[in-house]
Amino acid sequence: MMTMQPTPTRLSIGRRQCVAAAMLSIWKGGVSAATPADTGREQARAPGLLVCTFGDSVLDCGHYNERGVTPGQLLVRNDDALFPAFRGRDLQTLRGSAKLLHRAVDGATVDGLQAQLPRRPLQGPAVALLTIGGNDLIRGLAGDNTGSRVHAFEQRLHAFLKSLPVRPVLMATVYDPTFGDDARNFLGVPAALARTNHRRVNDIISAAASRYGKLVDLHAHFLAGDPSWLTRVIEPSLIGASEIRRAFLLHI
């Protein structure tokens, strides 16, 4: 008895081409699901964030610590050896790409902000960090008993913010280097008056932040800290620089 052999199935030219294409795709690893490497490459191709720092020594404090680091530098790229708790939490890691434009100047007051404006047009996504008001208070605003200096501070701050070509602006309140202890008052004016004007300055900053970006409450953050966060009475120490970074990072 003869055994019937199955007749080979003939594929049309079109079907043969489709099968060949599918086999080639599989051979090359062309699966539909994205691999971790693909995700990493997509992240690396994402537009980098430009972090722009403006203001005073709260952000320009590198020369007050032995490592020469600033909050902006730590935001962009953490020093994992110094601050292992922030490993993987810097912007270069989180976004794949980030750069720093450092314009803040130690000793700056609100009158000097216009000189810190970027000299060239900025490209791509950016965020501005601003700390200002501490030196204004030290240089006389703390003793203002008429309100004229506080008003002038507000006007000049708004003038700068209107000229600043970066949004959002993360604006920090002015911290209290006495940590709420009137016995540590170093301003040469009654503590009650100094605290009233300090509060007025922070109220101005808070109102401006609601209009131009976000508020970073450094004042509250430092009240929960301790004197090791400062050096030379008012300047951020190495730990202080990291704590300032911590406060801003929550809002980026």
Protein backbone atom coordinates (compact mmCIF):
# COMPACT_ATOMS: atom_id res chain seq x y z
CA MET A 1 0.00 0.00 0.00
CA MET A 2 1.37 3.34 -0.96
CA THR A 3 1.83 5.99 1.72
CA MET A 4 0.67 9.36 0.65
CA GLN A 5 3.26 12.07 1.31
CA PRO A 6 1.93 15.50 2.28
CA THR A 7 2.13 18.00 -0.51
CA PRO A 8 4.57 20.79 0.37
CA THR A 9 2.78 24.03 1.00
CA ARG A 10 3.73 26.67 -1.50
CA LEU A 11 4.04 30.21 -0.23
CA SER A 12 3.34 33.13 -2.46
CA ILE A 13 6.17 35.49 -3.17
CA GLY A 14 4.51 38.14 -0.93
CA ARG A 15 4.19 35.77 2.01
CA ARG A 16 7.76 34.56 1.60
CA GLN A 17 8.94 38.15 1.78
CA CYS A 18 6.91 38.81 4.94
CA VAL A 19 8.26 35.68 6.64
CA ALA A 20 11.80 36.58 5.67
CA ALA A 21 11.37 40.08 7.04
CA ALA A 22 9.99 38.75 10.32
CA MET A 23 12.88 36.27 10.70
CA LEU A 24 15.38 39.02 9.98
CA SER A 25 13.76 41.24 12.60
CA ILE A 26 13.95 38.48 15.22
CA TRP A 27 17.54 37.69 14.27
CA LYS A 28 18.48 41.33 14.81
CA GLY A 29 16.80 41.41 18.20
CA GLY A 30 13.91 43.57 17.00
CA VAL A 31 11.36 42.76 19.70
CA SER A 32 8.52 45.15 20.34
CA ALA A 33 9.17 45.71 24.05
CA ALA A 34 11.75 48.37 24.93
CA THR A 35 14.82 47.09 26.73
CA PRO A 36 16.49 48.89 29.66
CA ALA A 37 19.28 49.93 27.30
CA ASP A 38 16.73 51.48 24.93
CA THR A 39 15.18 53.39 27.82
CA GLY A 40 18.58 54.65 28.90
CA ARG A 41 19.36 55.85 25.38
CA GLU A 42 16.03 57.67 25.20
CA GLN A 43 16.78 59.35 28.53
CA ALA A 44 20.22 60.38 27.33
CA ARG A 45 18.68 61.95 24.23
CA ALA A 46 16.18 63.97 26.31
CA PRO A 47 16.85 67.71 26.41
CA GLY A 48 19.21 68.55 29.24
CA LEU A 49 18.14 70.91 32.02
CA LEU A 50 20.10 74.12 32.55
CA VAL A 51 20.24 75.10 36.22
CA CYS A 52 20.87 78.85 36.60
CA THR A 53 21.85 80.23 40.00
CA PHE A 54 21.35 83.89 40.92
CA GLY A 55 21.72 85.89 44.09
CA ASP A 56 24.17 85.79 46.97
CA SER A 57 26.47 83.52 48.96
CA VAL A 58 23.68 81.12 49.84
CA LEU A 59 24.27 79.77 46.31
CA ASP A 60 27.82 81.13 45.87
CA CYS A 61 29.32 79.49 48.96
CA GLY A 62 32.03 77.25 47.48
CA HIS A 63 34.86 79.28 49.02
CA TYR A 64 33.36 78.81 52.47
CA ASN A 65 33.86 75.04 52.53
CA GLU A 66 36.95 72.86 52.17
CA ARG A 67 35.64 71.06 49.08
CA GLY A 68 34.69 74.17 47.13
CA VAL A 69 31.20 72.87 46.32
CA THR A 70 28.04 74.90 45.87
CA PRO A 71 24.38 73.84 46.08
CA GLY A 72 24.05 74.24 42.31
CA GLN A 73 26.97 71.88 41.67
CA LEU A 74 25.48 69.28 43.99
CA LEU A 75 22.10 69.56 42.32
CA VAL A 76 23.60 68.91 38.90
CA ARG A 77 26.02 66.20 40.03
CA ASN A 78 26.19 64.86 43.55
CA ASP A 79 29.48 64.08 45.26
CA ASP A 80 28.66 60.49 46.17
CA ALA A 81 31.69 60.13 48.42
CA LEU A 82 30.67 63.15 50.52
CA PHE A 83 26.90 62.68 50.40
CA PRO A 84 26.04 59.01 49.72
CA ALA A 85 22.42 59.61 50.75
CA PHE A 86 21.99 61.60 47.52
CA ARG A 87 23.51 58.94 45.25
CA GLY A 88 21.38 58.70 42.13
CA ARG A 89 19.33 61.78 43.06
CA ASP A 90 21.26 64.45 41.16
CA LEU A 91 19.83 65.93 37.97
CA GLN A 92 22.38 64.33 35.65
CA THR A 93 21.21 60.95 36.89
CA LEU A 94 17.50 61.74 37.06
CA ARG A 95 17.29 63.54 33.71
CA GLY A 96 20.21 62.04 31.81
CA SER A 97 21.71 65.49 31.19
CA ALA A 98 22.02 68.70 33.21
CA LYS A 99 24.35 71.68 33.28
CA LEU A 100 25.01 74.59 35.62
CA LEU A 101 25.07 78.30 34.78
CA HIS A 102 26.42 79.91 37.94
CA ARG A 103 25.71 83.65 38.16
CA ALA A 104 25.23 84.13 41.92
CA VAL A 105 27.83 86.34 43.63
CA ASP A 106 28.86 86.31 47.28
CA GLY A 107 27.80 89.54 48.95
CA ALA A 108 25.16 90.46 46.40
CA THR A 109 22.14 92.54 47.31
CA VAL A 110 18.98 93.11 45.32
CA ASP A 111 20.69 96.08 43.63
CA GLY A 112 23.26 93.77 42.04
CA LEU A 113 20.86 91.27 40.49
CA GLN A 114 20.56 93.02 37.14
CA ALA A 115 24.31 92.55 36.59
CA GLN A 116 23.83 88.78 37.01
CA LEU A 117 21.41 88.41 34.10
CA PRO A 118 22.61 85.89 31.47
CA ARG A 119 24.84 87.44 28.84
CA ARG A 120 23.61 85.20 26.04
CA PRO A 121 20.22 83.79 25.06
CA LEU A 122 19.48 80.49 26.77
CA GLN A 123 18.56 77.40 24.78
CA GLY A 124 16.42 74.50 25.94
CA PRO A 125 14.68 73.84 29.25
CA ALA A 126 16.01 75.81 32.21
CA VAL A 127 15.22 76.59 35.82
CA ALA A 128 16.41 79.57 37.87
CA LEU A 129 17.40 79.41 41.54
CA LEU A 130 17.39 82.69 43.45
CA THR A 131 18.54 83.56 46.97
CA ILE A 132 18.52 87.24 47.90
CA GLY A 133 17.71 89.47 50.84
CA GLY A 134 20.14 88.39 53.55
CA ASN A 135 22.78 90.98 52.71
CA ASP A 136 20.09 93.64 52.30
CA LEU A 137 18.95 92.97 55.85
CA ILE A 138 22.52 93.04 57.18
CA ARG A 139 23.30 96.31 55.39
CA GLY A 140 20.49 98.32 56.88
CA LEU A 141 17.14 96.90 55.85
CA ALA A 142 16.82 95.06 59.19
CA GLY A 143 16.64 98.44 60.94
CA ASP A 144 14.12 100.02 58.56
CA ASN A 145 11.43 101.62 60.75
CA THR A 146 9.64 103.48 57.97
CA GLY A 147 9.13 100.71 55.41
CA SER A 148 10.89 102.65 52.66
CA ARG A 149 13.80 100.21 52.31
CA VAL A 150 11.49 97.23 52.34
CA HIS A 151 9.41 98.84 49.57
CA ALA A 152 12.53 99.59 47.52
CA PHE A 153 13.65 95.96 47.92
CA GLU A 154 10.31 94.78 46.57
CA GLN A 155 10.44 97.08 43.55
CA ARG A 156 13.97 96.08 42.58
CA LEU A 157 13.26 92.40 43.05
CA HIS A 158 10.29 92.58 40.69
CA ALA A 159 12.34 94.54 38.15
CA PHE A 160 14.93 91.76 38.08
CA LEU A 161 12.36 88.99 37.83
CA LYS A 162 10.63 90.71 34.91
CA SER A 163 14.00 90.91 33.10
CA LEU A 164 15.01 87.32 33.87
CA PRO A 165 14.51 85.14 30.76
CA VAL A 166 14.10 81.90 32.75
CA ARG A 167 10.97 80.24 34.08
CA PRO A 168 10.25 78.84 36.54
CA VAL A 169 12.16 80.75 39.23
CA LEU A 170 12.67 78.86 42.49
CA MET A 171 12.92 81.60 45.10
CA ALA A 172 14.25 80.90 48.58
CA THR A 173 13.23 82.68 51.73
CA VAL A 174 16.03 84.19 53.83
CA TYR A 175 17.14 81.86 56.60
CA ASP A 176 17.76 82.98 60.16
CA PRO A 177 21.41 82.43 61.19
CA THR A 178 20.46 82.89 64.85
CA PHE A 179 18.10 79.89 64.63
CA GLY A 180 15.43 81.93 66.42
CA ASP A 181 17.64 82.86 69.38
CA ASP A 182 17.51 86.61 70.09
CA ALA A 183 20.62 86.28 72.27
CA ARG A 184 22.59 85.63 69.07
CA ASN A 185 21.45 88.85 67.40
CA PHE A 186 24.48 90.40 65.63
CA LEU A 187 22.80 93.15 63.60
CA GLY A 188 23.10 96.05 66.04
CA VAL A 189 19.35 96.77 65.92
CA PRO A 190 16.64 95.52 68.30
CA ALA A 191 15.86 91.88 67.61
CA ALA A 192 12.12 92.55 67.43
CA LEU A 193 12.55 95.15 64.66
CA ALA A 194 15.02 92.95 62.77
CA ARG A 195 12.65 89.99 62.89
CA THR A 196 9.75 92.12 61.70
CA ASN A 197 11.71 93.27 58.64
CA HIS A 198 13.04 89.77 58.07
CA ARG A 199 9.44 88.55 57.97
CA ARG A 200 8.48 91.37 55.57
CA VAL A 201 11.30 90.45 53.19
CA ASN A 202 10.27 86.80 53.24
CA ASP A 203 6.64 87.79 52.63
CA ILE A 204 7.76 89.75 49.55
CA ILE A 205 9.76 86.76 48.31
CA SER A 206 6.82 84.42 48.91
CA ALA A 207 4.45 86.64 46.95
CA ALA A 208 6.91 86.96 44.07
CA ALA A 209 7.47 83.19 44.02
CA SER A 210 3.75 82.58 43.57
CA ARG A 211 3.87 84.82 40.49
CA TYR A 212 7.14 83.76 38.88
CA GLY A 213 7.69 80.17 39.97
CA LYS A 214 7.88 78.28 43.25
CA LEU A 215 8.81 79.04 46.83
CA VAL A 216 11.66 77.22 48.57
CA ASP A 217 11.29 77.82 52.30
CA LEU A 218 14.91 77.87 53.43
CA HIS A 219 13.88 79.82 56.51
CA ALA A 220 11.75 76.94 57.79
CA HIS A 221 14.30 74.35 56.69
CA PHE A 222 17.16 75.98 58.59
CA LEU A 223 15.09 76.45 61.74
CA ALA A 224 14.93 72.64 61.82
CA GLY A 225 18.72 72.45 61.48
CA ASP A 226 21.62 73.39 63.72
CA PRO A 227 24.66 75.73 63.76
CA SER A 228 26.84 73.13 61.96
CA TRP A 229 25.00 74.16 58.80
CA LEU A 230 26.74 77.57 58.97
CA THR A 231 30.24 78.95 59.13
CA ARG A 232 31.46 82.48 59.88
CA VAL A 233 28.11 83.18 61.56
CA ILE A 234 26.02 83.54 58.39
CA GLU A 235 27.59 81.54 55.53
CA PRO A 236 26.62 78.01 54.50
CA SER A 237 29.11 75.35 55.57
CA LEU A 238 29.71 72.16 53.58
CA ILE A 239 26.73 70.56 55.31
CA GLY A 240 24.76 73.75 54.80
CA ALA A 241 25.46 73.71 51.06
CA SER A 242 24.06 70.19 50.89
CA GLU A 243 21.00 71.17 52.92
CA ILE A 244 20.33 74.08 50.56
CA ARG A 245 20.60 71.58 47.71
CA ARG A 246 18.12 69.34 49.52
CA ALA A 247 15.57 72.14 49.84
CA PHE A 248 15.77 73.14 46.16
CA LEU A 249 15.79 69.55 44.88
CA LEU A 250 12.30 69.00 46.26
CA HIS A 251 10.95 71.60 43.81
CA ILE A 252 12.80 70.75 40.58
